[in-house]
Amino acid sequence: ANSKSRQIPLGPVDETKLSEDVRRVKALAAPAYPLKTLGKARAECLA
């Protein structure tokens, strides 16, 4: 999260250690599309 790539933590973290940039994208990260359901679609689409 604190690297230049600003990845969004998925597990519980100390929120005071997150930058303003990360807090901004983290606030936008829900509701998220359930990607675990896409296995079949990915195989068909990739083919």
PDB file of all heavy atoms in Angstrom:
ATOM      1  N   ALA A   1       0.828  -1.209   0.000  1.00  0.00           N
ATOM      2  CA  ALA A   1       0.000   0.000   0.000  1.00  0.00           C
ATOM      3  C   ALA A   1       0.859   1.253   0.000  1.00  0.00           C
ATOM      4  O   ALA A   1       0.518   2.255  -0.640  1.00  0.00           O
ATOM      5  CB  ALA A   1      -0.932  -0.010   1.210  1.00  0.00           C
ATOM      6  N   ASN A   2       1.969   1.203   0.691  1.00  0.00           N
ATOM      7  CA  ASN A   2       2.821   2.374   0.826  1.00  0.00           C
ATOM      8  C   ASN A   2       3.924   2.441  -0.222  1.00  0.00           C
ATOM      9  O   ASN A   2       4.765   3.348  -0.184  1.00  0.00           O
ATOM     10  CB  ASN A   2       3.423   2.416   2.234  1.00  0.00           C
ATOM     11  CG  ASN A   2       2.356   2.664   3.298  1.00  0.00           C
ATOM     12  OD1 ASN A   2       1.439   3.446   3.075  1.00  0.00           O
ATOM     13  ND2 ASN A   2       2.448   1.988   4.431  1.00  0.00           N
ATOM     14  N   SER A   3       3.928   1.493  -1.153  1.00  0.00           N
ATOM     15  CA  SER A   3       4.836   1.581  -2.296  1.00  0.00           C
ATOM     16  C   SER A   3       4.217   2.503  -3.336  1.00  0.00           C
ATOM     17  O   SER A   3       3.072   2.942  -3.209  1.00  0.00           O
ATOM     18  CB  SER A   3       5.066   0.191  -2.890  1.00  0.00           C
ATOM     19  OG  SER A   3       3.907  -0.247  -3.589  1.00  0.00           O
ATOM     20  N   LYS A   4       4.941   2.769  -4.399  1.00  0.00           N
ATOM     21  CA  LYS A   4       4.427   3.659  -5.442  1.00  0.00           C
ATOM     22  C   LYS A   4       3.235   3.054  -6.179  1.00  0.00           C
ATOM     23  O   LYS A   4       2.476   3.787  -6.824  1.00  0.00           O
ATOM     24  CB  LYS A   4       5.537   3.997  -6.429  1.00  0.00           C
ATOM     25  CG  LYS A   4       6.584   4.934  -5.856  1.00  0.00           C
ATOM     26  CD  LYS A   4       7.560   5.412  -6.916  1.00  0.00           C
ATOM     27  CE  LYS A   4       8.524   6.443  -6.352  1.00  0.00           C
ATOM     28  NZ  LYS A   4       9.454   6.960  -7.388  1.00  0.00           N
ATOM     29  N   SER A   5       3.045   1.740  -6.085  1.00  0.00           N
ATOM     30  CA  SER A   5       1.914   1.113  -6.775  1.00  0.00           C
ATOM     31  C   SER A   5       0.603   1.266  -6.007  1.00  0.00           C
ATOM     32  O   SER A   5      -0.474   1.044  -6.567  1.00  0.00           O
ATOM     33  CB  SER A   5       2.190  -0.369  -7.027  1.00  0.00           C
ATOM     34  OG  SER A   5       2.275  -1.080  -5.815  1.00  0.00           O
ATOM     35  N   ARG A   6       0.669   1.613  -4.699  1.00  0.00           N
ATOM     36  CA  ARG A   6      -0.517   1.900  -3.867  1.00  0.00           C
ATOM     37  C   ARG A   6      -1.572   0.789  -3.948  1.00  0.00           C
ATOM     38  O   ARG A   6      -2.733   1.025  -4.260  1.00  0.00           O
ATOM     39  CB  ARG A   6      -1.174   3.219  -4.254  1.00  0.00           C
ATOM     40  CG  ARG A   6      -0.530   4.457  -3.657  1.00  0.00           C
ATOM     41  CD  ARG A   6       0.375   5.053  -4.604  1.00  0.00           C
ATOM     42  NE  ARG A   6       0.439   6.522  -4.571  1.00  0.00           N
ATOM     43  CZ  ARG A   6       1.306   7.175  -5.335  1.00  0.00           C
ATOM     44  NH1 ARG A   6       2.097   6.522  -6.162  1.00  0.00           N
ATOM     45  NH2 ARG A   6       1.365   8.492  -5.294  1.00  0.00           N
ATOM     46  N   GLN A   7      -1.194  -0.436  -3.633  1.00  0.00           N
ATOM     47  CA  GLN A   7      -2.149  -1.535  -3.642  1.00  0.00           C
ATOM     48  C   GLN A   7      -3.115  -1.421  -2.462  1.00  0.00           C
ATOM     49  O   GLN A   7      -2.745  -0.975  -1.378  1.00  0.00           O
ATOM     50  CB  GLN A   7      -1.414  -2.872  -3.579  1.00  0.00           C
ATOM     51  CG  GLN A   7      -0.355  -3.048  -4.663  1.00  0.00           C
ATOM     52  CD  GLN A   7      -0.929  -3.298  -6.029  1.00  0.00           C
ATOM     53  OE1 GLN A   7      -1.470  -4.355  -6.315  1.00  0.00           O
ATOM     54  NE2 GLN A   7      -0.795  -2.327  -6.924  1.00  0.00           N
ATOM     55  N   ILE A   8      -4.347  -1.854  -2.665  1.00  0.00           N
ATOM     56  CA  ILE A   8      -5.389  -1.752  -1.641  1.00  0.00           C
ATOM     57  C   ILE A   8      -5.309  -2.966  -0.709  1.00  0.00           C
ATOM     58  O   ILE A   8      -5.436  -4.104  -1.169  1.00  0.00           O
ATOM     59  CB  ILE A   8      -6.785  -1.707  -2.287  1.00  0.00           C
ATOM     60  CG1 ILE A   8      -6.881  -0.541  -3.264  1.00  0.00           C
ATOM     61  CG2 ILE A   8      -7.872  -1.622  -1.221  1.00  0.00           C
ATOM     62  CD1 ILE A   8      -8.106  -0.614  -4.169  1.00  0.00           C
ATOM     63  N   PRO A   9      -5.115  -2.775   0.595  1.00  0.00           N
ATOM     64  CA  PRO A   9      -5.109  -3.931   1.506  1.00  0.00           C
ATOM     65  C   PRO A   9      -6.486  -4.604   1.529  1.00  0.00           C
ATOM     66  O   PRO A   9      -7.523  -3.931   1.543  1.00  0.00           O
ATOM     67  CB  PRO A   9      -4.784  -3.307   2.868  1.00  0.00           C
ATOM     68  CG  PRO A   9      -4.183  -1.972   2.562  1.00  0.00           C
ATOM     69  CD  PRO A   9      -4.828  -1.514   1.299  1.00  0.00           C
ATOM     70  N   LEU A  10      -6.486  -5.923   1.555  1.00  0.00           N
ATOM     71  CA  LEU A  10      -7.741  -6.674   1.603  1.00  0.00           C
ATOM     72  C   LEU A  10      -8.045  -7.188   3.000  1.00  0.00           C
ATOM     73  O   LEU A  10      -9.206  -7.389   3.353  1.00  0.00           O
ATOM     74  CB  LEU A  10      -7.686  -7.851   0.618  1.00  0.00           C
ATOM     75  CG  LEU A  10      -7.517  -7.462  -0.859  1.00  0.00           C
ATOM     76  CD1 LEU A  10      -7.440  -8.717  -1.727  1.00  0.00           C
ATOM     77  CD2 LEU A  10      -8.652  -6.559  -1.311  1.00  0.00           C
ATOM     78  N   GLY A  11      -7.016  -7.418   3.799  1.00  0.00           N
ATOM     79  CA  GLY A  11      -7.213  -7.824   5.182  1.00  0.00           C
ATOM     80  C   GLY A  11      -7.169  -6.623   6.099  1.00  0.00           C
ATOM     81  O   GLY A  11      -6.911  -5.495   5.665  1.00  0.00           O
ATOM     82  N   PRO A  12      -7.438  -6.818   7.386  1.00  0.00           N
ATOM     83  CA  PRO A  12      -7.412  -5.706   8.337  1.00  0.00           C
ATOM     84  C   PRO A  12      -5.994  -5.160   8.518  1.00  0.00           C
ATOM     85  O   PRO A  12      -5.044  -5.926   8.671  1.00  0.00           O
ATOM     86  CB  PRO A  12      -7.936  -6.341   9.636  1.00  0.00           C
ATOM     87  CG  PRO A  12      -7.665  -7.814   9.476  1.00  0.00           C
ATOM     88  CD  PRO A  12      -7.796  -8.107   8.021  1.00  0.00           C
ATOM     89  N   VAL A  13      -5.870  -3.833   8.463  1.00  0.00           N
ATOM     90  CA  VAL A  13      -4.584  -3.171   8.674  1.00  0.00           C
ATOM     91  C   VAL A  13      -4.811  -1.941   9.537  1.00  0.00           C
ATOM     92  O   VAL A  13      -5.945  -1.500   9.739  1.00  0.00           O
ATOM     93  CB  VAL A  13      -3.930  -2.751   7.336  1.00  0.00           C
ATOM     94  CG1 VAL A  13      -3.627  -3.951   6.464  1.00  0.00           C
ATOM     95  CG2 VAL A  13      -4.797  -1.741   6.592  1.00  0.00           C
ATOM     96  N   ASP A  14      -3.720  -1.369  10.023  1.00  0.00           N
ATOM     97  CA  ASP A  14      -3.777  -0.108  10.761  1.00  0.00           C
ATOM     98  C   ASP A  14      -4.039   0.999   9.742  1.00  0.00           C
ATOM     99  O   ASP A  14      -3.156   1.391   8.977  1.00  0.00           O
ATOM    100  CB  ASP A  14      -2.452   0.106  11.481  1.00  0.00           C
ATOM    101  CG  ASP A  14      -2.450   1.370  12.333  1.00  0.00           C
ATOM    102  OD1 ASP A  14      -3.373   2.201  12.200  1.00  0.00           O
ATOM    103  OD2 ASP A  14      -1.493   1.538  13.128  1.00  0.00           O
ATOM    104  N   GLU A  15      -5.271   1.510   9.711  1.00  0.00           N
ATOM    105  CA  GLU A  15      -5.676   2.491   8.713  1.00  0.00           C
ATOM    106  C   GLU A  15      -4.875   3.789   8.805  1.00  0.00           C
ATOM    107  O   GLU A  15      -4.750   4.516   7.813  1.00  0.00           O
ATOM    108  CB  GLU A  15      -7.172   2.803   8.861  1.00  0.00           C
ATOM    109  CG  GLU A  15      -8.095   1.599   8.678  1.00  0.00           C
ATOM    110  CD  GLU A  15      -8.306   1.250   7.220  1.00  0.00           C
ATOM    111  OE1 GLU A  15      -8.161   2.143   6.377  1.00  0.00           O
ATOM    112  OE2 GLU A  15      -8.624   0.081   6.924  1.00  0.00           O
ATOM    113  N   THR A  16      -4.330   4.080   9.971  1.00  0.00           N
ATOM    114  CA  THR A  16      -3.559   5.322  10.119  1.00  0.00           C
ATOM    115  C   THR A  16      -2.257   5.275   9.312  1.00  0.00           C
ATOM    116  O   THR A  16      -1.627   6.307   9.099  1.00  0.00           O
ATOM    117  CB  THR A  16      -3.235   5.594  11.593  1.00  0.00           C
ATOM    118  OG1 THR A  16      -2.361   4.565  12.097  1.00  0.00           O
ATOM    119  CG2 THR A  16      -4.502   5.636  12.434  1.00  0.00           C
ATOM    120  N   LYS A  17      -1.872   4.067   8.882  1.00  0.00           N
ATOM    121  CA  LYS A  17      -0.626   3.918   8.127  1.00  0.00           C
ATOM    122  C   LYS A  17      -0.847   3.972   6.612  1.00  0.00           C
ATOM    123  O   LYS A  17       0.100   3.765   5.839  1.00  0.00           O
ATOM    124  CB  LYS A  17       0.061   2.607   8.511  1.00  0.00           C
ATOM    125  CG  LYS A  17       0.519   2.570   9.966  1.00  0.00           C
ATOM    126  CD  LYS A  17       1.223   1.273  10.299  1.00  0.00           C
ATOM    127  CE  LYS A  17       1.697   1.268  11.756  1.00  0.00           C
ATOM    128  NZ  LYS A  17       2.395   0.008  12.112  1.00  0.00           N
ATOM    129  N   LEU A  18      -2.083   4.253   6.184  1.00  0.00           N
ATOM    130  CA  LEU A  18      -2.383   4.328   4.767  1.00  0.00           C
ATOM    131  C   LEU A  18      -2.328   5.779   4.295  1.00  0.00           C
ATOM    132  O   LEU A  18      -2.777   6.692   4.992  1.00  0.00           O
ATOM    133  CB  LEU A  18      -3.773   3.754   4.482  1.00  0.00           C
ATOM    134  CG  LEU A  18      -3.989   2.278   4.818  1.00  0.00           C
ATOM    135  CD1 LEU A  18      -5.430   1.880   4.502  1.00  0.00           C
ATOM    136  CD2 LEU A  18      -3.006   1.387   4.073  1.00  0.00           C
ATOM    137  N   SER A  19      -1.821   5.974   3.085  1.00  0.00           N
ATOM    138  CA  SER A  19      -1.749   7.319   2.515  1.00  0.00           C
ATOM    139  C   SER A  19      -3.129   7.774   2.057  1.00  0.00           C
ATOM    140  O   SER A  19      -4.072   6.970   1.940  1.00  0.00           O
ATOM    141  CB  SER A  19      -0.799   7.335   1.323  1.00  0.00           C
ATOM    142  OG  SER A  19      -1.352   6.585   0.249  1.00  0.00           O
ATOM    143  N   GLU A  20      -3.249   9.071   1.774  1.00  0.00           N
ATOM    144  CA  GLU A  20      -4.506   9.612   1.275  1.00  0.00           C
ATOM    145  C   GLU A  20      -4.881   8.981  -0.067  1.00  0.00           C
ATOM    146  O   GLU A  20      -6.060   8.722  -0.335  1.00  0.00           O
ATOM    147  CB  GLU A  20      -4.384  11.133   1.116  1.00  0.00           C
ATOM    148  CG  GLU A  20      -5.712  11.839   0.883  1.00  0.00           C
ATOM    149  CD  GLU A  20      -6.685  11.685   2.048  1.00  0.00           C
ATOM    150  OE1 GLU A  20      -6.236  11.679   3.210  1.00  0.00           O
ATOM    151  OE2 GLU A  20      -7.897  11.582   1.774  1.00  0.00           O
ATOM    152  N   ASP A  21      -3.904   8.707  -0.915  1.00  0.00           N
ATOM    153  CA  ASP A  21      -4.172   8.071  -2.201  1.00  0.00           C
ATOM    154  C   ASP A  21      -4.800   6.693  -2.023  1.00  0.00           C
ATOM    155  O   ASP A  21      -5.771   6.337  -2.700  1.00  0.00           O
ATOM    156  CB  ASP A  21      -2.870   7.924  -3.005  1.00  0.00           C
ATOM    157  CG  ASP A  21      -2.412   9.227  -3.615  1.00  0.00           C
ATOM    158  OD1 ASP A  21      -3.249  10.136  -3.782  1.00  0.00           O
ATOM    159  OD2 ASP A  21      -1.209   9.343  -3.926  1.00  0.00           O
ATOM    160  N   VAL A  22      -4.232   5.909  -1.119  1.00  0.00           N
ATOM    161  CA  VAL A  22      -4.742   4.558  -0.905  1.00  0.00           C
ATOM    162  C   VAL A  22      -6.134   4.597  -0.280  1.00  0.00           C
ATOM    163  O   VAL A  22      -7.013   3.809  -0.632  1.00  0.00           O
ATOM    164  CB  VAL A  22      -3.770   3.730  -0.042  1.00  0.00           C
ATOM    165  CG1 VAL A  22      -4.353   2.356   0.278  1.00  0.00           C
ATOM    166  CG2 VAL A  22      -2.429   3.574  -0.756  1.00  0.00           C
ATOM    167  N   ARG A  23      -6.339   5.518   0.629  1.00  0.00           N
ATOM    168  CA  ARG A  23      -7.671   5.645   1.222  1.00  0.00           C
ATOM    169  C   ARG A  23      -8.709   5.995   0.159  1.00  0.00           C
ATOM    170  O   ARG A  23      -9.854   5.519   0.211  1.00  0.00           O
ATOM    171  CB  ARG A  23      -7.659   6.713   2.316  1.00  0.00           C
ATOM    172  CG  ARG A  23      -6.828   6.329   3.534  1.00  0.00           C
ATOM    173  CD  ARG A  23      -6.913   7.390   4.612  1.00  0.00           C
ATOM    174  NE  ARG A  23      -5.924   7.189   5.657  1.00  0.00           N
ATOM    175  CZ  ARG A  23      -5.860   7.895   6.771  1.00  0.00           C
ATOM    176  NH1 ARG A  23      -6.726   8.877   6.975  1.00  0.00           N
ATOM    177  NH2 ARG A  23      -4.923   7.645   7.669  1.00  0.00           N
ATOM    178  N   ARG A  24      -8.303   6.818  -0.805  1.00  0.00           N
ATOM    179  CA  ARG A  24      -9.235   7.200  -1.863  1.00  0.00           C
ATOM    180  C   ARG A  24      -9.659   5.985  -2.689  1.00  0.00           C
ATOM    181  O   ARG A  24     -10.849   5.756  -2.905  1.00  0.00           O
ATOM    182  CB  ARG A  24      -8.577   8.242  -2.785  1.00  0.00           C
ATOM    183  CG  ARG A  24      -9.481   8.684  -3.940  1.00  0.00           C
ATOM    184  CD  ARG A  24      -8.733   9.563  -4.931  1.00  0.00           C
ATOM    185  NE  ARG A  24      -9.583   9.924  -6.052  1.00  0.00           N
ATOM    186  CZ  ARG A  24      -9.150  10.457  -7.178  1.00  0.00           C
ATOM    187  NH1 ARG A  24      -7.844  10.693  -7.345  1.00  0.00           N
ATOM    188  NH2 ARG A  24      -9.988  10.746  -8.149  1.00  0.00           N
ATOM    189  N   VAL A  25      -8.691   5.186  -3.159  1.00  0.00           N
ATOM    190  CA  VAL A  25      -9.061   4.036  -3.989  1.00  0.00           C
ATOM    191  C   VAL A  25      -9.718   2.942  -3.159  1.00  0.00           C
ATOM    192  O   VAL A  25     -10.595   2.220  -3.641  1.00  0.00           O
ATOM    193  CB  VAL A  25      -7.849   3.476  -4.769  1.00  0.00           C
ATOM    194  CG1 VAL A  25      -7.415   4.445  -5.857  1.00  0.00           C
ATOM    195  CG2 VAL A  25      -6.681   3.153  -3.852  1.00  0.00           C
ATOM    196  N   LYS A  26      -9.330   2.825  -1.892  1.00  0.00           N
ATOM    197  CA  LYS A  26      -9.955   1.831  -1.018  1.00  0.00           C
ATOM    198  C   LYS A  26     -11.435   2.149  -0.828  1.00  0.00           C
ATOM    199  O   LYS A  26     -12.276   1.242  -0.800  1.00  0.00           O
ATOM    200  CB  LYS A  26      -9.225   1.796   0.329  1.00  0.00           C
ATOM    201  CG  LYS A  26      -9.635   0.639   1.248  1.00  0.00           C
ATOM    202  CD  LYS A  26      -8.726   0.597   2.468  1.00  0.00           C
ATOM    203  CE  LYS A  26      -8.995  -0.635   3.326  1.00  0.00           C
ATOM    204  NZ  LYS A  26     -10.301  -0.594   3.998  1.00  0.00           N
ATOM    205  N   ALA A  27     -11.766   3.441  -0.732  1.00  0.00           N
ATOM    206  CA  ALA A  27     -13.162   3.839  -0.574  1.00  0.00           C
ATOM    207  C   ALA A  27     -13.985   3.526  -1.822  1.00  0.00           C
ATOM    208  O   ALA A  27     -15.207   3.350  -1.737  1.00  0.00           O
ATOM    209  CB  ALA A  27     -13.237   5.330  -0.250  1.00  0.00           C
ATOM    210  N   LEU A  28     -13.316   3.447  -2.973  1.00  0.00           N
ATOM    211  CA  LEU A  28     -14.012   3.158  -4.231  1.00  0.00           C
ATOM    212  C   LEU A  28     -14.105   1.655  -4.520  1.00  0.00           C
ATOM    213  O   LEU A  28     -14.756   1.257  -5.483  1.00  0.00           O
ATOM    214  CB  LEU A  28     -13.270   3.839  -5.393  1.00  0.00           C
ATOM    215  CG  LEU A  28     -13.248   5.368  -5.406  1.00  0.00           C
ATOM    216  CD1 LEU A  28     -12.296   5.855  -6.494  1.00  0.00           C
ATOM    217  CD2 LEU A  28     -14.647   5.925  -5.629  1.00  0.00           C
ATOM    218  N   ALA A  29     -13.463   0.836  -3.703  1.00  0.00           N
ATOM    219  CA  ALA A  29     -13.296  -0.581  -4.034  1.00  0.00           C
ATOM    220  C   ALA A  29     -14.491  -1.453  -3.698  1.00  0.00           C
ATOM    221  O   ALA A  29     -14.433  -2.680  -3.847  1.00  0.00           O
ATOM    222  CB  ALA A  29     -12.058  -1.125  -3.333  1.00  0.00           C
ATOM    223  N   ALA A  30     -15.589  -0.886  -3.254  1.00  0.00           N
ATOM    224  CA  ALA A  30     -16.792  -1.660  -2.953  1.00  0.00           C
ATOM    225  C   ALA A  30     -18.013  -0.887  -3.445  1.00  0.00           C
ATOM    226  O   ALA A  30     -18.000   0.352  -3.465  1.00  0.00           O
ATOM    227  CB  ALA A  30     -16.883  -1.920  -1.443  1.00  0.00           C
ATOM    228  N   PRO A  31     -19.059  -1.621  -3.860  1.00  0.00           N
ATOM    229  CA  PRO A  31     -19.094  -3.079  -3.963  1.00  0.00           C
ATOM    230  C   PRO A  31     -18.293  -3.573  -5.163  1.00  0.00           C
ATOM    231  O   PRO A  31     -18.284  -2.938  -6.215  1.00  0.00           O
ATOM    232  CB  PRO A  31     -20.589  -3.371  -4.143  1.00  0.00           C
ATOM    233  CG  PRO A  31     -21.126  -2.151  -4.830  1.00  0.00           C
ATOM    234  CD  PRO A  31     -20.344  -0.995  -4.293  1.00  0.00           C
ATOM    235  N   ALA A  32     -17.627  -4.700  -4.973  1.00  0.00           N
ATOM    236  CA  ALA A  32     -16.763  -5.250  -6.008  1.00  0.00           C
ATOM    237  C   ALA A  32     -17.430  -6.436  -6.690  1.00  0.00           C
ATOM    238  O   ALA A  32     -18.157  -7.205  -6.056  1.00  0.00           O
ATOM    239  CB  ALA A  32     -15.433  -5.681  -5.403  1.00  0.00           C
ATOM    240  N   TYR A  33     -17.173  -6.567  -7.972  1.00  0.00           N
ATOM    241  CA  TYR A  33     -17.713  -7.693  -8.730  1.00  0.00           C
ATOM    242  C   TYR A  33     -17.075  -8.981  -8.223  1.00  0.00           C
ATOM    243  O   TYR A  33     -15.866  -9.047  -7.988  1.00  0.00           O
ATOM    244  CB  TYR A  33     -17.417  -7.520 -10.219  1.00  0.00           C
ATOM    245  CG  TYR A  33     -18.228  -8.431 -11.109  1.00  0.00           C
ATOM    246  CD1 TYR A  33     -19.439  -7.998 -11.648  1.00  0.00           C
ATOM    247  CD2 TYR A  33     -17.806  -9.720 -11.380  1.00  0.00           C
ATOM    248  CE1 TYR A  33     -20.200  -8.840 -12.449  1.00  0.00           C
ATOM    249  CE2 TYR A  33     -18.560 -10.564 -12.182  1.00  0.00           C
ATOM    250  CZ  TYR A  33     -19.750 -10.119 -12.720  1.00  0.00           C
ATOM    251  OH  TYR A  33     -20.508 -10.967 -13.512  1.00  0.00           O
ATOM    252  N   PRO A  34     -17.860 -10.055  -8.035  1.00  0.00           N
ATOM    253  CA  PRO A  34     -17.318 -11.321  -7.512  1.00  0.00           C
ATOM    254  C   PRO A  34     -16.497 -12.072  -8.573  1.00  0.00           C
ATOM    255  O   PRO A  34     -17.010 -12.911  -9.311  1.00  0.00           O
ATOM    256  CB  PRO A  34     -18.569 -12.107  -7.107  1.00  0.00           C
ATOM    257  CG  PRO A  34     -19.654 -11.580  -8.001  1.00  0.00           C
ATOM    258  CD  PRO A  34     -19.328 -10.130  -8.233  1.00  0.00           C
ATOM    259  N   LEU A  35     -15.218 -11.785  -8.636  1.00  0.00           N
ATOM    260  CA  LEU A  35     -14.366 -12.341  -9.683  1.00  0.00           C
ATOM    261  C   LEU A  35     -14.197 -13.858  -9.579  1.00  0.00           C
ATOM    262  O   LEU A  35     -13.861 -14.511 -10.569  1.00  0.00           O
ATOM    263  CB  LEU A  35     -12.984 -11.673  -9.635  1.00  0.00           C
ATOM    264  CG  LEU A  35     -12.961 -10.156  -9.839  1.00  0.00           C
ATOM    265  CD1 LEU A  35     -11.524  -9.657  -9.823  1.00  0.00           C
ATOM    266  CD2 LEU A  35     -13.645  -9.758 -11.134  1.00  0.00           C
ATOM    267  N   LYS A  36     -14.430 -14.431  -8.402  1.00  0.00           N
ATOM    268  CA  LYS A  36     -14.277 -15.878  -8.245  1.00  0.00           C
ATOM    269  C   LYS A  36     -15.242 -16.670  -9.123  1.00  0.00           C
ATOM    270  O   LYS A  36     -15.053 -17.854  -9.338  1.00  0.00           O
ATOM    271  CB  LYS A  36     -14.485 -16.282  -6.781  1.00  0.00           C
ATOM    272  CG  LYS A  36     -13.370 -15.858  -5.865  1.00  0.00           C
ATOM    273  CD  LYS A  36     -13.348 -16.659  -4.562  1.00  0.00           C
ATOM    274  CE  LYS A  36     -14.570 -16.467  -3.703  1.00  0.00           C
ATOM    275  NZ  LYS A  36     -14.461 -17.194  -2.410  1.00  0.00           N
ATOM    276  N   THR A  37     -16.266 -15.993  -9.642  1.00  0.00           N
ATOM    277  CA  THR A  37     -17.265 -16.680 -10.464  1.00  0.00           C
ATOM    278  C   THR A  37     -16.885 -16.716 -11.941  1.00  0.00           C
ATOM    279  O   THR A  37     -17.635 -17.251 -12.753  1.00  0.00           O
ATOM    280  CB  THR A  37     -18.627 -15.968 -10.342  1.00  0.00           C
ATOM    281  OG1 THR A  37     -18.533 -14.647 -10.940  1.00  0.00           O
ATOM    282  CG2 THR A  37     -19.047 -15.825  -8.890  1.00  0.00           C
ATOM    283  N   LEU A  38     -15.725 -16.161 -12.306  1.00  0.00           N
ATOM    284  CA  LEU A  38     -15.408 -15.935 -13.711  1.00  0.00           C
ATOM    285  C   LEU A  38     -14.531 -17.009 -14.352  1.00  0.00           C
ATOM    286  O   LEU A  38     -14.082 -16.840 -15.484  1.00  0.00           O
ATOM    287  CB  LEU A  38     -14.710 -14.580 -13.874  1.00  0.00           C
ATOM    288  CG  LEU A  38     -15.525 -13.337 -13.557  1.00  0.00           C
ATOM    289  CD1 LEU A  38     -14.688 -12.084 -13.763  1.00  0.00           C
ATOM    290  CD2 LEU A  38     -16.775 -13.281 -14.427  1.00  0.00           C
ATOM    291  N   GLY A  39     -14.271 -18.093 -13.677  1.00  0.00           N
ATOM    292  CA  GLY A  39     -13.374 -19.112 -14.228  1.00  0.00           C
ATOM    293  C   GLY A  39     -13.812 -19.631 -15.584  1.00  0.00           C
ATOM    294  O   GLY A  39     -13.030 -19.671 -16.547  1.00  0.00           O
ATOM    295  N   LYS A  40     -15.060 -20.028 -15.712  1.00  0.00           N
ATOM    296  CA  LYS A  40     -15.572 -20.559 -16.967  1.00  0.00           C
ATOM    297  C   LYS A  40     -15.595 -19.484 -18.049  1.00  0.00           C
ATOM    298  O   LYS A  40     -15.197 -19.718 -19.198  1.00  0.00           O
ATOM    299  CB  LYS A  40     -16.973 -21.135 -16.754  1.00  0.00           C
ATOM    300  CG  LYS A  40     -17.616 -21.768 -17.980  1.00  0.00           C
ATOM    301  CD  LYS A  40     -18.935 -22.444 -17.604  1.00  0.00           C
ATOM    302  CE  LYS A  40     -19.597 -23.102 -18.807  1.00  0.00           C
ATOM    303  NZ  LYS A  40     -20.107 -22.108 -19.778  1.00  0.00           N
ATOM    304  N   ALA A  41     -16.048 -18.289 -17.688  1.00  0.00           N
ATOM    305  CA  ALA A  41     -16.108 -17.192 -18.648  1.00  0.00           C
ATOM    306  C   ALA A  41     -14.714 -16.839 -19.157  1.00  0.00           C
ATOM    307  O   ALA A  41     -14.518 -16.564 -20.350  1.00  0.00           O
ATOM    308  CB  ALA A  41     -16.760 -15.966 -18.007  1.00  0.00           C
ATOM    309  N   ARG A  42     -13.731 -16.868 -18.279  1.00  0.00           N
ATOM    310  CA  ARG A  42     -12.362 -16.553 -18.680  1.00  0.00           C
ATOM    311  C   ARG A  42     -11.856 -17.554 -19.702  1.00  0.00           C
ATOM    312  O   ARG A  42     -11.254 -17.178 -20.718  1.00  0.00           O
ATOM    313  CB  ARG A  42     -11.471 -16.533 -17.449  1.00  0.00           C
ATOM    314  CG  ARG A  42     -10.027 -16.105 -17.714  1.00  0.00           C
ATOM    315  CD  ARG A  42      -9.080 -17.276 -17.663  1.00  0.00           C
ATOM    316  NE  ARG A  42      -7.686 -16.836 -17.676  1.00  0.00           N
ATOM    317  CZ  ARG A  42      -6.663 -17.649 -17.883  1.00  0.00           C
ATOM    318  NH1 ARG A  42      -6.874 -18.933 -18.108  1.00  0.00           N
ATOM    319  NH2 ARG A  42      -5.425 -17.183 -17.885  1.00  0.00           N
ATOM    320  N   ALA A  43     -12.074 -18.844 -19.461  1.00  0.00           N
ATOM    321  CA  ALA A  43     -11.596 -19.870 -20.391  1.00  0.00           C
ATOM    322  C   ALA A  43     -12.241 -19.725 -21.764  1.00  0.00           C
ATOM    323  O   ALA A  43     -11.567 -19.802 -22.801  1.00  0.00           O
ATOM    324  CB  ALA A  43     -11.871 -21.255 -19.816  1.00  0.00           C
ATOM    325  N   GLU A  44     -13.543 -19.495 -21.779  1.00  0.00           N
ATOM    326  CA  GLU A  44     -14.254 -19.361 -23.053  1.00  0.00           C
ATOM    327  C   GLU A  44     -13.840 -18.087 -23.781  1.00  0.00           C
ATOM    328  O   GLU A  44     -13.606 -18.094 -24.999  1.00  0.00           O
ATOM    329  CB  GLU A  44     -15.763 -19.369 -22.801  1.00  0.00           C
ATOM    330  CG  GLU A  44     -16.293 -20.689 -22.276  1.00  0.00           C
ATOM    331  CD  GLU A  44     -17.765 -20.617 -21.892  1.00  0.00           C
ATOM    332  OE1 GLU A  44     -18.310 -19.497 -21.890  1.00  0.00           O
ATOM    333  OE2 GLU A  44     -18.358 -21.678 -21.592  1.00  0.00           O
ATOM    334  N   CYS A  45     -13.746 -16.988 -23.035  1.00  0.00           N
ATOM    335  CA  CYS A  45     -13.383 -15.706 -23.633  1.00  0.00           C
ATOM    336  C   CYS A  45     -11.956 -15.743 -24.173  1.00  0.00           C
ATOM    337  O   CYS A  45     -11.680 -15.255 -25.283  1.00  0.00           O
ATOM    338  CB  CYS A  45     -13.540 -14.593 -22.599  1.00  0.00           C
ATOM    339  SG  CYS A  45     -13.236 -12.936 -23.230  1.00  0.00           S
ATOM    340  N   LEU A  46     -11.033 -16.340 -23.426  1.00  0.00           N
ATOM    341  CA  LEU A  46      -9.645 -16.414 -23.856  1.00  0.00           C
ATOM    342  C   LEU A  46      -9.513 -17.250 -25.121  1.00  0.00           C
ATOM    343  O   LEU A  46      -8.734 -16.902 -26.019  1.00  0.00           O
ATOM    344  CB  LEU A  46      -8.775 -16.989 -22.739  1.00  0.00           C
ATOM    345  CG  LEU A  46      -7.287 -17.126 -23.048  1.00  0.00           C
ATOM    346  CD1 LEU A  46      -6.680 -15.779 -23.437  1.00  0.00           C
ATOM    347  CD2 LEU A  46      -6.546 -17.715 -21.844  1.00  0.00           C
ATOM    348  N   ALA A  47     -10.250 -18.337 -25.202  1.00  0.00           N
ATOM    349  CA  ALA A  47     -10.203 -19.164 -26.413  1.00  0.00           C
ATOM    350  C   ALA A  47     -10.634 -18.353 -27.636  1.00  0.00           C
ATOM    351  O   ALA A  47     -10.017 -18.436 -28.711  1.00  0.00           O
ATOM    352  CB  ALA A  47     -11.086 -20.390 -26.244  1.00  0.00           C
TER     353      ALA A  47
END
